[in-house]
Each structure stands twice: as structure tokens, then as C-alpha cells.
Amino acid sequence: MSAAIVPRWVWLFLPLTLSQVSSASFSIEVPKAPVSGLNGDSVSLPCTVSKSIDAKKFEVRWYRPSMYSTPVLLYKSGQIVEISAKHQGRVSFLGALEKGDVSLKLDNLTVADEGLYICQVSSDSWYEMSNMSLKIRAVGSIPILSVAHAEEGQVNVSCHSHGWLPKPSLNWRDGTGRELKHQSKDTFSKDSEGLMSVSSWLLVSSSDLGWLSCIVALSASNQEMRESRVVPHIPTVADSWKEAFIVVLLILLLSILGFGVYFILNRKGLICSKKQKKEDAENLEIQPLNSSAEKQPHEAPTADAPHQSLLKGVDDHQVPEQQVDGALTAEKDPVNPSHVDKNHQEQNKPQTVLTDPQTALAAEWKEMKRFKVNLTIDPKENPQFLMISGKSICCSDLEDINDEEKIFALCKEAFSSGKHYWEVKVMERNEEKLSWYVGVASEEAERMYKVPLTPANGFWVLCYEKEPEEHCGVYSVNIKMPEQLKTGSKKISTLGVFVDCDNCTVSFYDTDRKSLIYTFTNLRPGKSLYPLISPGIRDRFRITVC
């Protein structure tokens, strides 16, 4: 009887056990066919959890074969905790994790991104993994056609195009649309980046009319093909003489036309001679200065001035009185020299033209922001312990910092001439940012942790340290820092950087208050300057290039 009771207990608890296993287990779905993406474009790698289970509580790991410990992206504990150096700023989740969508979006595709990708989702008691293949396509250059002499009245037409992936097809067509593929000789080669190049040539008769077309394509779609056309005609000696005669004739006609226009304008007195110009200039110099109408020009900025405004200042413009031996005087009564003619004095009283400072300041900011540029943080110029997310950067590891590494990142853009402006958000509203570094670095500056960020070393950087005496160290800039940076009583949230390569200056602005903080006036002319950005190594709060 006891033997009969045991099966009953088994059948009683079996449904409950199966229910627990079913709720703890899951599966993931990925496409069986390869996913295709265009070189330089974006692509999504689909991966979903069965039954639309909320994946926010799971660990999601995307990685390449044999690279489990250096994942493309690792998500756990409700946040992204790791992104490989090669994929910084290029990967993100595409869908909603709470709906079980853990698809990966990969931007700025390169040839090296091609291959297998593994999607692994893990819970405390279960995990599933599956892989998919990514194929990269690259549309190459427009074919270059050239024509050369050949024997027996024929010409050799060649076609060359590069930058294709995978191997493209090449076709020749004549003006009637007829294919000439059987007459061509094609060769293919691969460059160091894995992209394909194709070259082809064929012989045609120089007496044939119409044009030839060279078409290189990945597929039949118009979006993945390039075409060039040429008329296979070699100029003869007679053609060269005709072209030379036409050019000479045009030059003669233009010369005659120009001389005729000059003669007519000269007869009408619209063109002054050099002698007449000189006499007009002398007459202008000896004319008396009208003290009631002329205005005193602005003083030229000196070399010692640390900053020169984009616009003229709002100083008062005054009208000078009669000037004698460098001194300003007023005319006196000839009868009584000590008596000043009040009417004349009132007439020659200096007049002041006032300019609204707010209007001038608004105009200056509008002019400066006209030179605003779009910056991109360069992953190749970023140390491993700084993590890039789009245009933001933060310090992910405050402990593992190598003395031989730099503590900053550089942007891809470089400036050697002209004016350029950008902004960096250095502090969020509720954060307690302890340090940051913003400025520019020359192309030859040594990128090491222990090298001071000073102009002598090729750095023009403004640094903020909440306790500079203790922490700033080799990063400190040898300038007199403003009080709002030293004491933190007026914290700066957004920093404006204006680089004037032509005048060799870089200025830093507090954009919230529209005020100048500091200007370096010793940039090296003609050298390429790279925007520099660093969140410091004392906290994990990010700063962002606006």
C-alpha cells in the first residue's frame, strides 16, 4: 500500500515543479539570415527574449567570438557597465528592455565590424545565447575613365574604381545600350582595409560614334552602383590647331572690348589719373578739422591686452576741441585773452554718443556664436579609464590610472586658421563636480599623465579643482584664476571656448553670465589645435560637448 502512495505524491507535485522551471527559463530569438549594413552607416542586430519577458533585471552581454571578457556591450544591475574601446560612442540598445527587446544598434560601420556577434541573456538561474552574422557592404568611388592611343586606328579605354565590398561587378555599354563585357579585361585587388578595387580596359575603334559607359555595382539597385561615360575620341593635330586658334581669337576680342570700355570711361571722366588722385588726397589733408562734426577714433588695442572683444567696446565717442601742440584748448577772445567766448565754448563743447551696453553685449555674443562648430570626441585619443557616451565623457575607474597615460580626450576636429566656438557643459544642476579640464592642445603636445597642461608644453587649458592646493598638481595652469573658479561661490555650468587662430588667442567664457573668464594670447600660429576635454579623475560625473 505504501508503494501506491508514492506515485500519488509524485503526480501531486509534478505540475508545481514544471511551473517553476517554465517561469525561470526562457529563450532568445535572432535572425537566421545574415544582417547587412552599409559601410559608414548604422545597423541593428535583432535579439529578443521569448514571451516579451522584462530584461531589465537580466544581464545582457553582446560579444564577438573568443572575446567574452572584452564584450562589445555589457548590461547588468540596470545599467550599461562596459563598452569595448573599439565600440566607444558607437553602440546602444535599440528597443525597450522591459519588453524583452535587447537588440543592439551599431553606428559608423567599418569593414572590421563584419563577422559573428553573440547575444547572451542571463538570469540568476538560467541563460541563453545565440549568434548572428553581420555583412558589411561598401559602395566605392565613381569610375575614372581614360582614353589612350592604340594601334590600327583603335583607342584603349580604361576604367578604375576602388572602395567596394564585397566584390563588385563591372559592365561596359555603348551608346545604344549594348553590353561589351566579352571584350573587356578585368582585374580585382584588395587594399589593407579589406576593400576591393576593380580595373578594366577594352579596345574600340576611334571612328565609332557615341559614348561608352562603365558601370560598377554591388547589385542591380541604383543606390549601389556607380557609372561614368566617355566619348572615345583622340584629338588630332588639326583639332589642336583649331582649339588654339579659337583661344587666341577669344583673347583678342576680350582685349579689344576692354580697351574700348576703358577709353569710353576715361573720356567721360569716370577714371581718375594717379596725379589727380594724389592732388585730391593732398587737398583732403589740408582741409581744417570741423570740431563739431568729426569724431575721435577708437584707440588701437595694445599687445599687452589679454583680451580683445569681437566688436568695438562701448566707450564714449568724443569730439575734440582745437588741438595745438598736442594739447586740447578752446578759442579765446582776441580782445581779452582771459575771457572765453561762451557761445563759441558751448558750440565746441564735447558731445558724447552713448551706446547701450546690453545691445553691444548681445551683438558680440551673436557674432561669436556665428562661428560655432560641431565637435566629435575621438575614441582613438581617449584613455581606457574615460568612458565616452555620444558627446559626453566621464571617469569610469578612479583607481586604475597609469602614470604614462593622459587624463584627457581630444576631439577629431583640428583648427589651424579662422575663428571657432564651442561650448562644454561642465556641471549639472544637482552635481558636485570636483574637477574638469577644457581647452586646446597642439598637434605636437606630449600626451602623458605627468606632463603639466601649460602653454610651454603645447596646452592652453582652463582647469577647475575644488581644492586646487591639494589635487591640482601637475595639471594646474599658471594663471590667476577667477574667484568663481577658486571658491566655487558662483559655479559655472557651461563653459564657452572661442579660438581665434588668426590672432593667436583662445578665450573662455561663463555662458550663463555672458562674461569673459580668461584669454590666452600666445597660441602658436599655423599649428593645428585639437579641442581638449576631461572630466577629471576625482568623480564619476560626466561633462558634455554641446
Protein backbone atom coordinates (compact mmCIF):
# COMPACT_ATOMS: atom_id res chain seq x y z
CA MET A 1 0.00 0.00 0.00
CA SER A 2 2.88 2.37 0.73
CA ALA A 3 4.21 1.74 -2.78
CA ALA A 4 0.93 3.04 -4.23
CA ILE A 5 1.08 6.23 -2.18
CA VAL A 6 4.47 7.31 -3.65
CA PRO A 7 3.23 7.75 -7.27
CA ARG A 8 0.33 9.82 -5.96
CA TRP A 9 2.73 12.27 -4.27
CA VAL A 10 4.82 12.44 -7.46
CA TRP A 11 1.82 13.32 -9.59
CA LEU A 12 0.72 15.85 -6.99
CA PHE A 13 3.98 17.92 -7.01
CA LEU A 14 5.00 17.40 -10.66
CA PRO A 15 2.83 20.25 -12.11
CA LEU A 16 4.15 22.68 -9.49
CA THR A 17 7.77 21.76 -10.32
CA LEU A 18 7.21 22.13 -14.06
CA SER A 19 5.61 25.53 -13.50
CA GLN A 20 8.65 26.81 -11.61
CA VAL A 21 11.05 25.58 -14.32
CA SER A 22 8.92 27.19 -17.03
CA SER A 23 8.89 30.60 -15.31
CA ALA A 24 12.64 30.50 -14.65
CA SER A 25 13.63 29.51 -18.19
CA PHE A 26 13.38 31.48 -21.42
CA SER A 27 14.79 31.55 -24.94
CA ILE A 28 16.10 34.26 -27.25
CA GLU A 29 15.41 34.81 -30.92
CA VAL A 30 17.86 36.16 -33.52
CA PRO A 31 17.63 36.23 -37.34
CA LYS A 32 18.99 33.17 -39.12
CA ALA A 33 19.96 35.09 -42.25
CA PRO A 34 23.00 37.43 -42.13
CA VAL A 35 22.32 41.06 -41.29
CA SER A 36 23.67 43.53 -43.86
CA GLY A 37 24.91 47.08 -43.24
CA LEU A 38 26.45 49.83 -45.38
CA ASN A 39 29.99 51.00 -44.58
CA GLY A 40 29.82 54.23 -42.54
CA ASP A 41 26.09 53.78 -41.85
CA SER A 42 24.15 52.24 -38.94
CA VAL A 43 22.70 48.74 -38.50
CA SER A 44 20.58 46.93 -35.92
CA LEU A 45 21.36 43.41 -34.68
CA PRO A 46 17.96 41.98 -33.57
CA CYS A 47 17.76 39.90 -30.38
CA THR A 48 14.58 39.40 -28.33
CA VAL A 49 13.68 37.42 -25.21
CA SER A 50 10.77 34.99 -25.60
CA LYS A 51 7.35 35.87 -24.17
CA SER A 52 8.45 39.56 -24.00
CA ILE A 53 9.93 38.98 -20.54
CA ASP A 54 11.29 42.12 -18.86
CA ALA A 55 15.06 42.04 -19.50
CA LYS A 56 15.93 44.96 -17.20
CA LYS A 57 16.60 42.52 -14.34
CA PHE A 58 18.83 40.28 -16.50
CA GLU A 59 22.44 40.53 -17.62
CA VAL A 60 22.80 41.20 -21.36
CA ARG A 61 26.19 40.59 -22.98
CA TRP A 62 26.99 41.26 -26.64
CA TYR A 63 30.42 39.98 -27.71
CA ARG A 64 32.47 38.62 -30.60
CA PRO A 65 33.72 35.00 -30.71
CA SER A 66 36.69 34.38 -28.36
CA MET A 67 36.20 37.87 -26.84
CA TYR A 68 33.84 37.09 -23.94
CA SER A 69 35.92 39.09 -21.42
CA THR A 70 36.01 42.19 -23.64
CA PRO A 71 32.37 42.50 -24.70
CA VAL A 72 31.03 44.89 -27.28
CA LEU A 73 28.45 45.91 -24.66
CA LEU A 74 27.70 44.59 -21.16
CA TYR A 75 24.48 45.46 -19.29
CA LYS A 76 23.81 44.39 -15.72
CA SER A 77 22.34 45.71 -12.49
CA GLY A 78 20.09 48.00 -14.53
CA GLN A 79 22.82 49.89 -16.42
CA ILE A 80 25.48 49.62 -19.11
CA VAL A 81 28.73 48.91 -17.27
CA GLU A 82 31.19 48.20 -20.08
CA ILE A 83 31.75 49.03 -23.76
CA SER A 84 34.84 47.89 -25.66
CA ALA A 85 37.34 50.53 -26.76
CA LYS A 86 36.65 49.84 -30.46
CA HIS A 87 32.94 50.49 -30.00
CA GLN A 88 33.00 53.55 -27.72
CA GLY A 89 30.30 56.00 -28.80
CA ARG A 90 29.01 53.60 -31.47
CA VAL A 91 26.76 51.07 -29.68
CA SER A 92 23.45 51.34 -27.84
CA PHE A 93 20.26 49.39 -27.17
CA LEU A 94 17.71 49.80 -29.92
CA GLY A 95 14.45 48.75 -28.26
CA ALA A 96 12.68 48.62 -24.90
CA LEU A 97 14.34 46.25 -22.44
CA GLU A 98 11.17 45.95 -20.38
CA LYS A 99 9.54 44.31 -23.41
CA GLY A 100 12.36 41.83 -23.87
CA ASP A 101 13.99 43.68 -26.78
CA VAL A 102 17.79 43.62 -26.29
CA SER A 103 18.65 44.43 -29.92
CA LEU A 104 21.98 46.21 -30.47
CA LYS A 105 22.42 49.30 -32.65
CA LEU A 106 25.88 49.74 -34.19
CA ASP A 107 26.78 53.13 -35.74
CA ASN A 108 29.60 54.25 -38.07
CA LEU A 109 30.15 50.78 -39.51
CA THR A 110 33.65 49.79 -40.63
CA VAL A 111 34.99 46.78 -42.51
CA ALA A 112 36.39 45.44 -39.22
CA ASP A 113 32.82 45.18 -37.84
CA GLU A 114 31.98 42.33 -40.22
CA GLY A 115 31.63 38.83 -38.72
CA LEU A 116 29.79 36.95 -35.96
CA TYR A 117 28.09 38.58 -32.96
CA ILE A 118 26.80 36.65 -29.93
CA CYS A 119 23.78 37.78 -27.88
CA GLN A 120 23.69 36.26 -24.37
CA VAL A 121 20.94 36.92 -21.80
CA SER A 122 21.43 35.57 -18.24
CA SER A 123 19.27 35.41 -15.12
CA ASP A 124 20.17 34.05 -11.69
CA SER A 125 19.18 30.51 -12.67
CA TRP A 126 19.16 30.43 -16.48
CA TYR A 127 20.93 31.81 -19.55
CA GLU A 128 20.53 31.62 -23.32
CA MET A 129 22.86 32.64 -26.13
CA SER A 130 22.69 32.76 -29.91
CA ASN A 131 24.78 34.25 -32.69
CA MET A 132 24.20 36.07 -35.95
CA SER A 133 26.35 37.19 -38.87
CA LEU A 134 26.92 40.80 -39.93
CA LYS A 135 27.90 41.53 -43.53
CA ILE A 136 29.34 44.92 -44.50
CA ARG A 137 28.68 46.48 -47.86
CA ALA A 138 30.69 49.41 -49.23
CA VAL A 139 29.80 51.44 -52.31
CA GLY A 140 33.02 52.54 -53.96
CA SER A 141 34.17 55.56 -55.93
CA ILE A 142 32.84 56.89 -59.22
CA PRO A 143 34.74 55.12 -62.02
CA ILE A 144 37.63 57.04 -63.56
CA LEU A 145 37.80 56.68 -67.36
CA SER A 146 40.80 57.42 -69.54
CA VAL A 147 41.45 57.14 -73.27
CA ALA A 148 44.83 56.36 -74.91
CA HIS A 149 46.12 55.71 -78.46
CA ALA A 150 46.32 52.15 -79.72
CA GLU A 151 47.39 50.56 -83.00
CA GLU A 152 45.45 50.38 -86.27
CA GLY A 153 43.06 53.25 -85.57
CA GLN A 154 41.90 51.94 -82.22
CA VAL A 155 41.83 53.51 -78.75
CA ASN A 156 42.30 51.89 -75.36
CA VAL A 157 39.58 52.90 -72.86
CA SER A 158 40.29 52.04 -69.22
CA CYS A 159 38.02 52.17 -66.14
CA HIS A 160 39.10 52.12 -62.49
CA SER A 161 37.11 52.25 -59.22
CA HIS A 162 38.03 51.46 -55.59
CA GLY A 163 36.44 51.08 -52.13
CA TRP A 164 33.93 48.25 -52.78
CA LEU A 165 32.74 45.42 -50.55
CA PRO A 166 32.01 42.66 -51.39
CA LYS A 167 33.48 42.05 -54.85
CA PRO A 168 31.57 44.24 -57.36
CA SER A 169 30.59 43.60 -60.96
CA LEU A 170 31.78 45.75 -63.89
CA ASN A 171 29.98 46.19 -67.21
CA TRP A 172 30.67 48.19 -70.36
CA ARG A 173 27.87 49.58 -72.55
CA ASP A 174 27.90 51.62 -75.73
CA GLY A 175 25.59 54.47 -76.72
CA THR A 176 22.90 52.06 -77.89
CA GLY A 177 22.82 50.21 -74.55
CA ARG A 178 24.59 47.14 -75.94
CA GLU A 179 26.82 45.28 -73.45
CA LEU A 180 30.53 44.95 -74.30
CA LYS A 181 31.50 42.72 -71.37
CA HIS A 182 33.01 39.99 -73.57
CA GLN A 183 35.56 42.47 -74.99
CA SER A 184 36.94 43.75 -71.66
CA LYS A 185 39.82 42.62 -69.44
CA ASP A 186 39.02 42.89 -65.68
CA THR A 187 41.32 42.69 -62.67
CA PHE A 188 40.44 42.84 -58.94
CA SER A 189 42.59 43.67 -55.89
CA LYS A 190 42.12 44.21 -52.14
CA ASP A 191 43.66 47.02 -50.07
CA SER A 192 44.91 46.95 -46.46
CA GLU A 193 41.42 47.73 -45.09
CA GLY A 194 39.85 44.84 -46.96
CA LEU A 195 38.10 46.97 -49.61
CA MET A 196 38.05 45.84 -53.25
CA SER A 197 39.31 47.73 -56.30
CA VAL A 198 38.46 46.86 -59.91
CA SER A 199 40.18 47.86 -63.16
CA SER A 200 39.09 47.09 -66.70
CA TRP A 201 40.04 48.07 -70.25
CA LEU A 202 38.87 47.40 -73.80
CA LEU A 203 39.85 48.31 -77.36
CA VAL A 204 37.39 50.18 -79.59
CA SER A 205 37.64 51.85 -82.94
CA SER A 206 38.28 55.58 -82.82
CA SER A 207 35.85 56.04 -85.69
CA ASP A 208 32.95 54.63 -83.66
CA LEU A 209 30.32 57.23 -82.83
CA GLY A 210 28.59 57.67 -79.46
CA TRP A 211 29.83 57.22 -75.92
CA LEU A 212 30.98 54.35 -73.73
CA SER A 213 29.65 53.71 -70.23
CA CYS A 214 31.48 51.91 -67.39
CA ILE A 215 29.13 50.63 -64.64
CA VAL A 216 30.41 49.22 -61.34
CA ALA A 217 27.78 47.85 -58.95
CA LEU A 218 27.12 45.60 -55.94
CA SER A 219 23.59 44.79 -57.09
CA ALA A 220 21.02 45.85 -59.63
CA SER A 221 19.71 48.69 -57.40
CA ASN A 222 20.60 52.24 -58.36
CA GLN A 223 21.71 53.02 -54.80
CA GLU A 224 24.65 50.60 -55.01
CA MET A 225 26.12 51.41 -58.41
CA ARG A 226 28.45 53.98 -59.95
CA GLU A 227 28.61 54.96 -63.62
CA SER A 228 30.88 57.12 -65.80
CA ARG A 229 30.72 57.90 -69.54
CA VAL A 230 33.28 58.96 -72.13
CA VAL A 231 33.41 59.62 -75.86
CA PRO A 232 36.34 57.51 -77.20
CA HIS A 233 37.87 60.20 -79.41
CA ILE A 234 41.56 61.14 -79.55
CA PRO A 235 42.26 64.76 -80.64
CA THR A 236 44.30 65.07 -83.84
CA VAL A 237 46.86 67.75 -84.74
CA ALA A 238 44.19 69.57 -86.74
CA ASP A 239 41.91 69.60 -83.73
CA SER A 240 44.70 71.11 -81.60
CA TRP A 241 45.25 73.93 -84.12
CA LYS A 242 41.54 74.67 -84.15
CA GLU A 243 41.41 74.88 -80.37
CA ALA A 244 44.49 77.14 -80.24
CA PHE A 245 43.03 79.45 -82.91
CA ILE A 246 39.75 79.76 -81.00
CA VAL A 247 41.57 80.58 -77.72
CA VAL A 248 43.71 83.29 -79.37
CA LEU A 249 40.66 84.78 -81.07
CA LEU A 250 38.78 85.00 -77.77
CA ILE A 251 41.74 86.71 -76.07
CA LEU A 252 41.95 89.33 -78.87
CA LEU A 253 38.22 90.03 -78.69
CA LEU A 254 38.32 90.47 -74.92
CA SER A 255 41.34 92.79 -75.18
CA ILE A 256 39.61 94.99 -77.76
CA LEU A 257 36.44 95.09 -75.68
CA GLY A 258 38.37 96.02 -72.51
CA PHE A 259 40.28 98.82 -74.28
CA GLY A 260 37.04 100.22 -75.69
CA VAL A 261 35.39 100.31 -72.23
CA TYR A 262 38.45 102.00 -70.72
CA PHE A 263 38.53 104.64 -73.48
CA ILE A 264 34.84 105.49 -73.02
CA LEU A 265 35.09 105.77 -69.21
CA ASN A 266 38.21 107.90 -69.48
CA ARG A 267 36.52 110.29 -71.94
CA LYS A 268 33.60 110.70 -69.52
CA GLY A 269 35.97 111.44 -66.62
CA LEU A 270 34.97 108.37 -64.63
CA ILE A 271 38.58 107.16 -64.35
CA CYS A 272 41.00 109.41 -62.45
CA SER A 273 44.69 109.51 -63.18
CA LYS A 274 47.30 108.85 -60.46
CA LYS A 275 48.24 112.53 -60.45
CA GLN A 276 44.62 113.59 -59.88
CA LYS A 277 44.26 111.05 -57.02
CA LYS A 278 47.40 112.43 -55.35
CA GLU A 279 46.14 116.02 -55.61
CA ASP A 280 42.75 115.04 -54.13
CA ALA A 281 44.48 113.34 -51.23
CA GLU A 282 46.66 116.41 -50.51
CA ASN A 283 43.63 118.70 -50.58
CA LEU A 284 41.85 116.41 -48.20
CA GLU A 285 44.76 116.51 -45.73
CA ILE A 286 44.98 120.32 -45.54
CA GLN A 287 41.25 120.85 -45.00
CA PRO A 288 40.58 122.21 -41.46
CA LEU A 289 39.09 119.79 -39.00
CA ASN A 290 35.46 120.54 -38.25
CA SER A 291 35.41 120.08 -34.50
CA SER A 292 31.63 119.94 -34.35
CA ALA A 293 31.32 117.05 -36.85
CA GLU A 294 34.44 114.85 -36.67
CA LYS A 295 34.65 112.02 -34.16
CA GLN A 296 37.68 110.74 -32.35
CA PRO A 297 38.62 107.19 -33.49
CA HIS A 298 38.97 104.30 -31.11
CA GLU A 299 42.30 103.60 -29.52
CA ALA A 300 44.06 100.62 -31.06
CA PRO A 301 44.29 97.60 -28.78
CA THR A 302 47.71 97.08 -27.27
CA ALA A 303 49.78 93.91 -27.36
CA ASP A 304 49.60 93.69 -23.58
CA ALA A 305 45.82 93.46 -23.52
CA PRO A 306 44.87 89.92 -22.53
CA HIS A 307 41.61 90.03 -24.45
CA GLN A 308 40.18 91.97 -27.40
CA SER A 309 36.44 92.00 -27.94
CA LEU A 310 34.96 90.75 -31.19
CA LEU A 311 33.22 94.12 -31.54
CA LYS A 312 34.29 97.59 -30.58
CA GLY A 313 33.72 98.47 -26.93
CA VAL A 314 31.01 100.69 -25.60
CA ASP A 315 33.38 103.55 -24.77
CA ASP A 316 32.08 107.08 -25.33
CA HIS A 317 32.94 108.77 -28.64
CA GLN A 318 34.03 112.38 -28.04
CA VAL A 319 34.60 115.29 -30.36
CA PRO A 320 37.98 117.01 -29.72
CA GLU A 321 38.43 120.70 -29.45
CA GLN A 322 41.04 122.59 -31.45
CA GLN A 323 44.40 120.91 -30.98
CA VAL A 324 47.63 122.93 -30.58
CA ASP A 325 50.99 121.21 -29.94
CA GLY A 326 49.21 118.04 -28.78
CA ALA A 327 47.07 119.86 -26.14
CA LEU A 328 43.34 120.47 -26.25
CA THR A 329 42.42 124.18 -25.93
CA ALA A 330 39.44 126.43 -26.55
CA GLU A 331 39.45 129.59 -28.68
CA LYS A 332 39.75 132.83 -26.68
CA ASP A 333 38.52 136.34 -27.21
CA PRO A 334 41.25 138.28 -29.15
CA VAL A 335 40.50 141.41 -27.13
CA ASN A 336 40.50 139.78 -23.72
CA PRO A 337 42.59 136.58 -23.86
CA SER A 338 41.42 135.58 -20.40
CA HIS A 339 37.82 135.72 -21.46
CA VAL A 340 36.36 132.69 -23.19
CA ASP A 341 33.56 133.23 -25.66
CA LYS A 342 30.69 131.38 -24.03
CA ASN A 343 28.77 130.96 -27.26
CA HIS A 344 31.82 129.52 -29.01
CA GLN A 345 32.63 127.34 -26.00
CA GLU A 346 29.08 126.00 -25.91
CA GLN A 347 29.25 125.34 -29.65
CA ASN A 348 32.51 123.39 -29.33
CA LYS A 349 31.53 121.51 -26.16
CA PRO A 350 32.46 117.82 -26.49
CA GLN A 351 29.49 115.71 -27.48
CA THR A 352 29.01 112.18 -26.18
CA VAL A 353 27.33 109.38 -28.13
CA LEU A 354 26.13 106.65 -25.78
CA THR A 355 25.73 103.03 -26.76
CA ASP A 356 23.56 100.63 -24.80
CA PRO A 357 25.94 98.08 -23.19
CA GLN A 358 23.31 95.34 -23.28
CA THR A 359 22.83 95.87 -27.03
CA ALA A 360 26.60 95.74 -27.65
CA LEU A 361 26.97 92.62 -25.49
CA ALA A 362 24.12 90.83 -27.28
CA ALA A 363 25.66 91.70 -30.65
CA GLU A 364 29.05 90.36 -29.52
CA TRP A 365 27.58 87.04 -28.38
CA LYS A 366 25.60 86.72 -31.60
CA GLU A 367 28.76 87.36 -33.64
CA MET A 368 30.82 84.85 -31.63
CA LYS A 369 28.21 82.08 -31.88
CA ARG A 370 28.23 82.51 -35.65
CA PHE A 371 31.50 80.54 -35.58
CA LYS A 372 30.07 77.61 -33.56
CA VAL A 373 31.37 74.20 -34.68
CA ASN A 374 30.17 70.65 -34.14
CA LEU A 375 32.75 68.51 -32.29
CA THR A 376 33.16 64.74 -32.05
CA ILE A 377 35.20 63.08 -29.30
CA ASP A 378 37.90 60.87 -30.89
CA PRO A 379 37.86 57.33 -29.38
CA LYS A 380 41.49 56.86 -30.53
CA GLU A 381 42.56 59.83 -28.39
CA ASN A 382 40.70 58.64 -25.28
CA PRO A 383 42.34 56.74 -22.36
CA GLN A 384 40.74 53.50 -21.23
CA PHE A 385 39.55 54.79 -17.85
CA LEU A 386 37.49 57.57 -19.50
CA MET A 387 34.19 56.36 -20.95
CA ILE A 388 32.56 58.10 -23.94
CA SER A 389 28.81 58.09 -24.48
CA GLY A 390 27.93 60.13 -27.55
CA LYS A 391 29.23 63.65 -26.82
CA SER A 392 29.59 63.00 -23.07
CA ILE A 393 32.63 61.69 -21.20
CA CYS A 394 33.15 60.54 -17.62
CA CYS A 395 35.79 58.82 -15.49
CA SER A 396 34.72 55.17 -15.11
CA ASP A 397 37.65 53.98 -12.96
CA LEU A 398 39.11 56.30 -10.33
CA GLU A 399 41.73 53.80 -9.20
CA ASP A 400 43.37 52.20 -12.25
CA ILE A 401 45.19 55.22 -13.76
CA ASN A 402 48.59 54.73 -15.38
CA ASP A 403 51.20 57.47 -14.88
CA GLU A 404 52.14 57.13 -18.56
CA GLU A 405 48.60 57.77 -19.81
CA LYS A 406 46.93 61.08 -20.42
CA ILE A 407 43.91 62.17 -18.36
CA PHE A 408 42.04 63.85 -21.20
CA ALA A 409 40.42 63.11 -24.55
CA LEU A 410 40.82 65.04 -27.81
CA CYS A 411 38.24 65.72 -30.50
CA LYS A 412 38.61 64.62 -34.12
CA GLU A 413 38.42 68.18 -35.46
CA ALA A 414 41.62 70.26 -35.79
CA PHE A 415 41.87 74.03 -36.37
CA SER A 416 44.83 75.99 -37.74
CA SER A 417 43.12 79.11 -39.13
CA GLY A 418 39.94 81.12 -38.75
CA LYS A 419 37.60 81.52 -35.77
CA HIS A 420 35.88 78.63 -33.97
CA TYR A 421 33.50 78.48 -30.98
CA TRP A 422 32.06 75.62 -28.94
CA GLU A 423 30.55 75.03 -25.50
CA VAL A 424 31.12 72.38 -22.83
CA LYS A 425 28.59 71.63 -20.08
CA VAL A 426 30.89 71.04 -17.10
CA MET A 427 28.34 70.68 -14.28
CA GLU A 428 24.75 69.51 -13.98
CA ARG A 429 22.35 71.30 -11.62
CA ASN A 430 22.48 68.84 -8.70
CA GLU A 431 26.03 67.53 -9.09
CA GLU A 432 29.09 68.28 -7.01
CA LYS A 433 31.75 68.23 -9.73
CA LEU A 434 35.22 68.19 -8.20
CA SER A 435 37.33 68.87 -11.29
CA TRP A 436 37.34 69.37 -15.07
CA TYR A 437 39.73 70.47 -17.81
CA VAL A 438 38.73 72.26 -21.03
CA GLY A 439 40.83 73.91 -23.73
CA VAL A 440 43.00 73.08 -26.75
CA ALA A 441 46.18 71.09 -27.36
CA SER A 442 48.68 71.43 -30.20
CA GLU A 443 49.32 68.51 -32.51
CA GLU A 444 52.86 68.00 -31.15
CA ALA A 445 51.88 68.15 -27.45
CA GLU A 446 53.06 65.13 -25.45
CA ARG A 447 50.06 63.11 -24.28
CA MET A 448 51.14 61.84 -20.85
CA TYR A 449 49.67 61.98 -17.33
CA LYS A 450 52.75 63.56 -15.79
CA VAL A 451 53.15 66.38 -18.35
CA PRO A 452 51.78 69.71 -16.99
CA LEU A 453 48.96 71.20 -19.07
CA THR A 454 50.73 74.52 -19.71
CA PRO A 455 51.30 76.62 -22.85
CA ALA A 456 55.01 75.75 -22.75
CA ASN A 457 54.04 72.11 -23.30
CA GLY A 458 51.50 72.87 -26.05
CA PHE A 459 48.36 73.09 -23.86
CA TRP A 460 46.06 76.10 -23.42
CA VAL A 461 43.68 74.72 -20.84
CA LEU A 462 41.41 76.10 -18.13
CA CYS A 463 41.23 73.72 -15.16
CA TYR A 464 38.82 73.62 -12.24
CA GLU A 465 39.72 71.89 -8.99
CA LYS A 466 37.51 72.35 -5.93
CA GLU A 467 40.63 72.02 -3.73
CA PRO A 468 43.45 73.07 -6.09
CA GLU A 469 46.16 73.25 -3.43
CA GLU A 470 45.75 69.55 -2.72
CA HIS A 471 44.72 68.00 -6.00
CA CYS A 472 45.53 70.18 -9.00
CA GLY A 473 49.23 69.21 -9.05
CA VAL A 474 50.78 68.97 -12.47
CA TYR A 475 47.51 69.91 -14.16
CA SER A 476 47.32 73.43 -12.76
CA VAL A 477 47.52 76.31 -15.21
CA ASN A 478 49.94 79.07 -14.28
CA ILE A 479 47.35 81.86 -14.38
CA LYS A 480 45.45 83.89 -11.80
CA MET A 481 42.17 82.01 -11.56
CA PRO A 482 38.91 83.99 -11.16
CA GLU A 483 37.14 83.88 -7.82
CA GLN A 484 34.16 81.90 -9.16
CA LEU A 485 36.55 79.10 -10.11
CA LYS A 486 38.64 79.22 -6.92
CA THR A 487 35.91 79.45 -4.33
CA GLY A 488 33.02 77.83 -6.17
CA SER A 489 30.65 80.52 -4.87
CA LYS A 490 29.35 81.05 -8.39
CA LYS A 491 29.66 77.65 -10.03
CA ILE A 492 29.95 77.56 -13.78
CA SER A 493 27.63 75.09 -15.52
CA THR A 494 28.50 75.76 -19.17
CA LEU A 495 31.88 76.94 -20.47
CA GLY A 496 32.28 78.71 -23.82
CA VAL A 497 35.56 78.35 -25.76
CA PHE A 498 36.44 80.78 -28.57
CA VAL A 499 39.59 80.11 -30.62
CA ASP A 500 40.88 82.84 -32.95
CA CYS A 501 43.72 81.16 -34.85
CA ASP A 502 44.48 84.26 -36.91
CA ASN A 503 45.04 86.41 -33.78
CA CYS A 504 46.60 83.52 -31.80
CA THR A 505 44.12 83.72 -28.88
CA VAL A 506 41.83 81.33 -27.04
CA SER A 507 39.19 82.74 -24.66
CA PHE A 508 36.99 81.09 -22.05
CA TYR A 509 33.51 82.39 -21.18
CA ASP A 510 30.92 81.78 -18.49
CA THR A 511 27.94 81.37 -20.83
CA ASP A 512 25.37 81.62 -18.03
CA ARG A 513 26.51 85.15 -17.18
CA LYS A 514 27.91 86.01 -20.64
CA SER A 515 31.21 87.06 -19.09
CA LEU A 516 34.84 86.51 -20.01
CA ILE A 517 36.88 84.29 -17.65
CA TYR A 518 40.35 84.30 -19.19
CA THR A 519 42.20 84.66 -22.52
CA PHE A 520 45.49 83.12 -23.64
CA THR A 521 47.31 85.32 -26.17
CA ASN A 522 50.28 83.09 -27.02
CA LEU A 523 48.92 80.42 -29.35
CA ARG A 524 51.44 79.14 -31.85
CA PRO A 525 50.49 80.41 -35.34
CA GLY A 526 49.97 77.89 -38.10
CA LYS A 527 49.85 74.88 -35.75
CA SER A 528 46.86 72.53 -35.69
CA LEU A 529 44.88 72.75 -32.44
CA TYR A 530 42.67 69.95 -31.15
CA PRO A 531 39.81 70.66 -28.69
CA LEU A 532 40.63 69.05 -25.30
CA ILE A 533 38.06 67.79 -22.79
CA SER A 534 38.45 65.93 -19.50
CA PRO A 535 36.02 65.21 -16.63
CA GLY A 536 38.95 64.94 -14.21
CA ILE A 537 39.83 61.85 -12.18
CA ARG A 538 38.12 62.67 -8.87
CA ASP A 539 34.47 61.83 -9.54
CA ARG A 540 32.29 59.93 -12.00
CA PHE A 541 30.11 62.84 -13.12
CA ARG A 542 30.16 63.49 -16.85
CA ILE A 543 30.81 66.62 -18.89
CA THR A 544 29.32 67.13 -22.34
CA VAL A 545 30.33 68.89 -25.57
CA CYS A 546 27.33 70.99 -26.61
